[in-house]
Amino acid sequence: MQLRSRQRKIEQLVDEDEIAKSFMRQPELRGTTMDRLEMQELGRILKGDVDEAWRRKQESLVGKNLNEIREEHRWFRAVQDADSTRRIKAERAERRRKERIAARGDDS
C-alpha cells in the first residue's frame, strides 16, 4: 500500500521542479529566495542541460561494448579477482590430486 502511494507521488513529480529545488539546496544558494516563475525558468534551463548531457552520453555509448570495463581501478580488480580464482582452483585441484595419490598409496 505504501509502495503504491510512494510510486504515485514519484510519478507526479515534475522533473524541472525537482532539479531546480535540488540546485537551490546547494550551500552557496541557501539564503537565496526565488519566486515561482524564476524557479520554473531555472528548472527548465537545468532540465535542458541534463537532457543534453544524457543524450550525448547515449550517443557516445552507441558503438561501445556495454560490458566493457572502462575504469582503471575496476579493470585491475577484475584482473586480480580472475587471477585469484584461477590460483585457488589450481591449488584445490593440486590438493585433490595429492589426496588421490595418497589414497592409492595407502590402498596398496
C-alpha atoms as a PDB file:
ATOM      1  CA  MET A   1       0.000   0.000   0.000  1.00  0.00           C
ATOM      2  CA  GLN A   2       2.748   2.428   0.969  1.00  0.00           C
ATOM      3  CA  LEU A   3       4.784   1.440  -2.059  1.00  0.00           C
ATOM      4  CA  ARG A   4       1.915   2.301  -4.379  1.00  0.00           C
ATOM      5  CA  SER A   5       1.326   5.684  -2.773  1.00  0.00           C
ATOM      6  CA  ARG A   6       5.042   6.428  -2.890  1.00  0.00           C
ATOM      7  CA  GLN A   7       5.166   5.377  -6.551  1.00  0.00           C
ATOM      8  CA  ARG A   8       2.223   7.688  -7.337  1.00  0.00           C
ATOM      9  CA  LYS A   9       3.953  10.588  -5.577  1.00  0.00           C
ATOM     10  CA  ILE A  10       7.122   9.953  -7.559  1.00  0.00           C
ATOM     11  CA  GLU A  11       5.169   9.796 -10.816  1.00  0.00           C
ATOM     12  CA  GLN A  12       3.513  13.130 -10.041  1.00  0.00           C
ATOM     13  CA  LEU A  13       6.824  14.932  -9.532  1.00  0.00           C
ATOM     14  CA  VAL A  14       7.853  17.332 -12.258  1.00  0.00           C
ATOM     15  CA  ASP A  15      11.464  16.922 -13.401  1.00  0.00           C
ATOM     16  CA  GLU A  16      12.102  20.633 -13.828  1.00  0.00           C
ATOM     17  CA  ASP A  17      10.796  21.487 -10.345  1.00  0.00           C
ATOM     18  CA  GLU A  18      12.804  18.774  -8.639  1.00  0.00           C
ATOM     19  CA  ILE A  19      16.004  19.707 -10.480  1.00  0.00           C
ATOM     20  CA  ALA A  20      15.540  23.380  -9.549  1.00  0.00           C
ATOM     21  CA  LYS A  21      14.855  22.518  -5.889  1.00  0.00           C
ATOM     22  CA  SER A  22      17.922  20.294  -5.790  1.00  0.00           C
ATOM     23  CA  PHE A  23      20.039  23.039  -7.354  1.00  0.00           C
ATOM     24  CA  MET A  24      18.783  25.587  -4.819  1.00  0.00           C
ATOM     25  CA  ARG A  25      19.824  23.303  -1.910  1.00  0.00           C
ATOM     26  CA  GLN A  26      23.486  23.964  -2.665  1.00  0.00           C
ATOM     27  CA  PRO A  27      25.267  25.701   0.239  1.00  0.00           C
ATOM     28  CA  GLU A  28      26.092  28.789  -1.854  1.00  0.00           C
ATOM     29  CA  LEU A  29      22.419  29.343  -2.695  1.00  0.00           C
ATOM     30  CA  ARG A  30      20.755  28.511   0.640  1.00  0.00           C
ATOM     31  CA  GLY A  31      19.975  32.129   1.543  1.00  0.00           C
ATOM     32  CA  THR A  32      18.673  32.991  -1.917  1.00  0.00           C
ATOM     33  CA  THR A  33      14.932  33.261  -2.404  1.00  0.00           C
ATOM     34  CA  MET A  34      13.340  32.929  -5.819  1.00  0.00           C
ATOM     35  CA  ASP A  35       9.752  33.334  -6.875  1.00  0.00           C
ATOM     36  CA  ARG A  36       7.824  30.586  -8.650  1.00  0.00           C
ATOM     37  CA  LEU A  37       8.482  31.970 -12.151  1.00  0.00           C
ATOM     38  CA  GLU A  38      12.250  32.143 -11.576  1.00  0.00           C
ATOM     39  CA  MET A  39      12.236  28.579 -10.217  1.00  0.00           C
ATOM     40  CA  GLN A  40      10.363  27.351 -13.292  1.00  0.00           C
ATOM     41  CA  GLU A  41      12.803  29.086 -15.624  1.00  0.00           C
ATOM     42  CA  LEU A  42      15.818  27.742 -13.717  1.00  0.00           C
ATOM     43  CA  GLY A  43      14.304  24.250 -13.756  1.00  0.00           C
ATOM     44  CA  ARG A  44      13.649  24.448 -17.495  1.00  0.00           C
ATOM     45  CA  ILE A  45      17.237  25.506 -18.216  1.00  0.00           C
ATOM     46  CA  LEU A  46      18.777  22.883 -15.935  1.00  0.00           C
ATOM     47  CA  LYS A  47      16.483  20.131 -17.265  1.00  0.00           C
ATOM     48  CA  GLY A  48      17.599  21.034 -20.789  1.00  0.00           C
ATOM     49  CA  ASP A  49      21.244  20.757 -19.715  1.00  0.00           C
ATOM     50  CA  VAL A  50      20.657  17.390 -18.040  1.00  0.00           C
ATOM     51  CA  ASP A  51      18.789  16.043 -21.070  1.00  0.00           C
ATOM     52  CA  GLU A  52      21.548  17.231 -23.411  1.00  0.00           C
ATOM     53  CA  ALA A  53      24.268  15.596 -21.286  1.00  0.00           C
ATOM     54  CA  TRP A  54      22.280  12.336 -21.180  1.00  0.00           C
ATOM     55  CA  ARG A  55      21.769  12.435 -24.964  1.00  0.00           C
ATOM     56  CA  ARG A  56      25.496  12.975 -25.569  1.00  0.00           C
ATOM     57  CA  LYS A  57      26.363  10.103 -23.256  1.00  0.00           C
ATOM     58  CA  GLN A  58      23.921   7.795 -25.046  1.00  0.00           C
ATOM     59  CA  GLU A  59      25.368   8.791 -28.425  1.00  0.00           C
ATOM     60  CA  SER A  60      28.902   8.089 -27.208  1.00  0.00           C
ATOM     61  CA  LEU A  61      27.868   4.616 -26.000  1.00  0.00           C
ATOM     62  CA  VAL A  62      26.294   3.556 -29.313  1.00  0.00           C
ATOM     63  CA  GLY A  63      29.384   1.854 -30.736  1.00  0.00           C
ATOM     64  CA  LYS A  64      30.817   0.618 -27.448  1.00  0.00           C
ATOM     65  CA  ASN A  65      30.506  -2.705 -25.701  1.00  0.00           C
ATOM     66  CA  LEU A  66      28.285  -2.100 -22.662  1.00  0.00           C
ATOM     67  CA  ASN A  67      30.059  -4.845 -20.704  1.00  0.00           C
ATOM     68  CA  GLU A  68      33.478  -3.313 -21.279  1.00  0.00           C
ATOM     69  CA  ILE A  69      35.252  -2.122 -18.138  1.00  0.00           C
ATOM     70  CA  ARG A  70      36.426   1.431 -18.740  1.00  0.00           C
ATOM     71  CA  GLU A  71      37.608   2.494 -15.273  1.00  0.00           C
ATOM     72  CA  GLU A  72      41.174   1.509 -14.478  1.00  0.00           C
ATOM     73  CA  HIS A  73      40.518   0.528 -10.850  1.00  0.00           C
ATOM     74  CA  ARG A  74      37.633  -1.771 -11.882  1.00  0.00           C
ATOM     75  CA  TRP A  75      39.791  -3.341 -14.582  1.00  0.00           C
ATOM     76  CA  PHE A  76      42.582  -4.067 -12.087  1.00  0.00           C
ATOM     77  CA  ARG A  77      40.085  -5.520  -9.625  1.00  0.00           C
ATOM     78  CA  ALA A  78      38.601  -7.765 -12.318  1.00  0.00           C
ATOM     79  CA  VAL A  79      42.047  -8.979 -13.363  1.00  0.00           C
ATOM     80  CA  GLN A  80      43.098  -9.553  -9.757  1.00  0.00           C
ATOM     81  CA  ASP A  81      39.891 -11.449  -8.940  1.00  0.00           C
ATOM     82  CA  ALA A  82      40.228 -13.586 -12.045  1.00  0.00           C
ATOM     83  CA  ASP A  83      43.823 -14.458 -11.180  1.00  0.00           C
ATOM     84  CA  SER A  84      42.998 -15.332  -7.572  1.00  0.00           C
ATOM     85  CA  THR A  85      40.115 -17.520  -8.728  1.00  0.00           C
ATOM     86  CA  ARG A  86      42.383 -19.382 -11.110  1.00  0.00           C
ATOM     87  CA  ARG A  87      45.031 -19.732  -8.398  1.00  0.00           C
ATOM     88  CA  ILE A  88      42.521 -21.086  -5.870  1.00  0.00           C
ATOM     89  CA  LYS A  89      41.122 -23.560  -8.417  1.00  0.00           C
ATOM     90  CA  ALA A  90      44.641 -24.727  -9.256  1.00  0.00           C
ATOM     91  CA  GLU A  91      45.501 -25.151  -5.560  1.00  0.00           C
ATOM     92  CA  ARG A  92      42.330 -27.172  -4.950  1.00  0.00           C
ATOM     93  CA  ALA A  93      42.997 -29.373  -7.980  1.00  0.00           C
ATOM     94  CA  GLU A  94      46.567 -29.989  -6.795  1.00  0.00           C
ATOM     95  CA  ARG A  95      45.366 -30.812  -3.279  1.00  0.00           C
ATOM     96  CA  ARG A  96      42.785 -33.293  -4.668  1.00  0.00           C
ATOM     97  CA  ARG A  97      45.436 -34.880  -6.886  1.00  0.00           C
ATOM     98  CA  LYS A  98      47.763 -35.337  -3.907  1.00  0.00           C
ATOM     99  CA  GLU A  99      44.913 -36.779  -1.829  1.00  0.00           C
ATOM    100  CA  ARG A 100      44.107 -39.272  -4.611  1.00  0.00           C
ATOM    101  CA  ILE A 101      47.763 -40.291  -4.864  1.00  0.00           C
ATOM    102  CA  ALA A 102      47.961 -40.661  -1.086  1.00  0.00           C
ATOM    103  CA  ALA A 103      44.746 -42.713  -1.030  1.00  0.00           C
ATOM    104  CA  ARG A 104      46.092 -45.021  -3.763  1.00  0.00           C
ATOM    105  CA  GLY A 105      49.355 -45.410  -1.871  1.00  0.00           C
ATOM    106  CA  ASP A 106      47.518 -46.373   1.322  1.00  0.00           C
ATOM    107  CA  ASP A 107      45.402 -48.978  -0.525  1.00  0.00           C
ATOM    108  CA  SER A 108      48.454 -50.869  -1.787  1.00  0.00           C
END
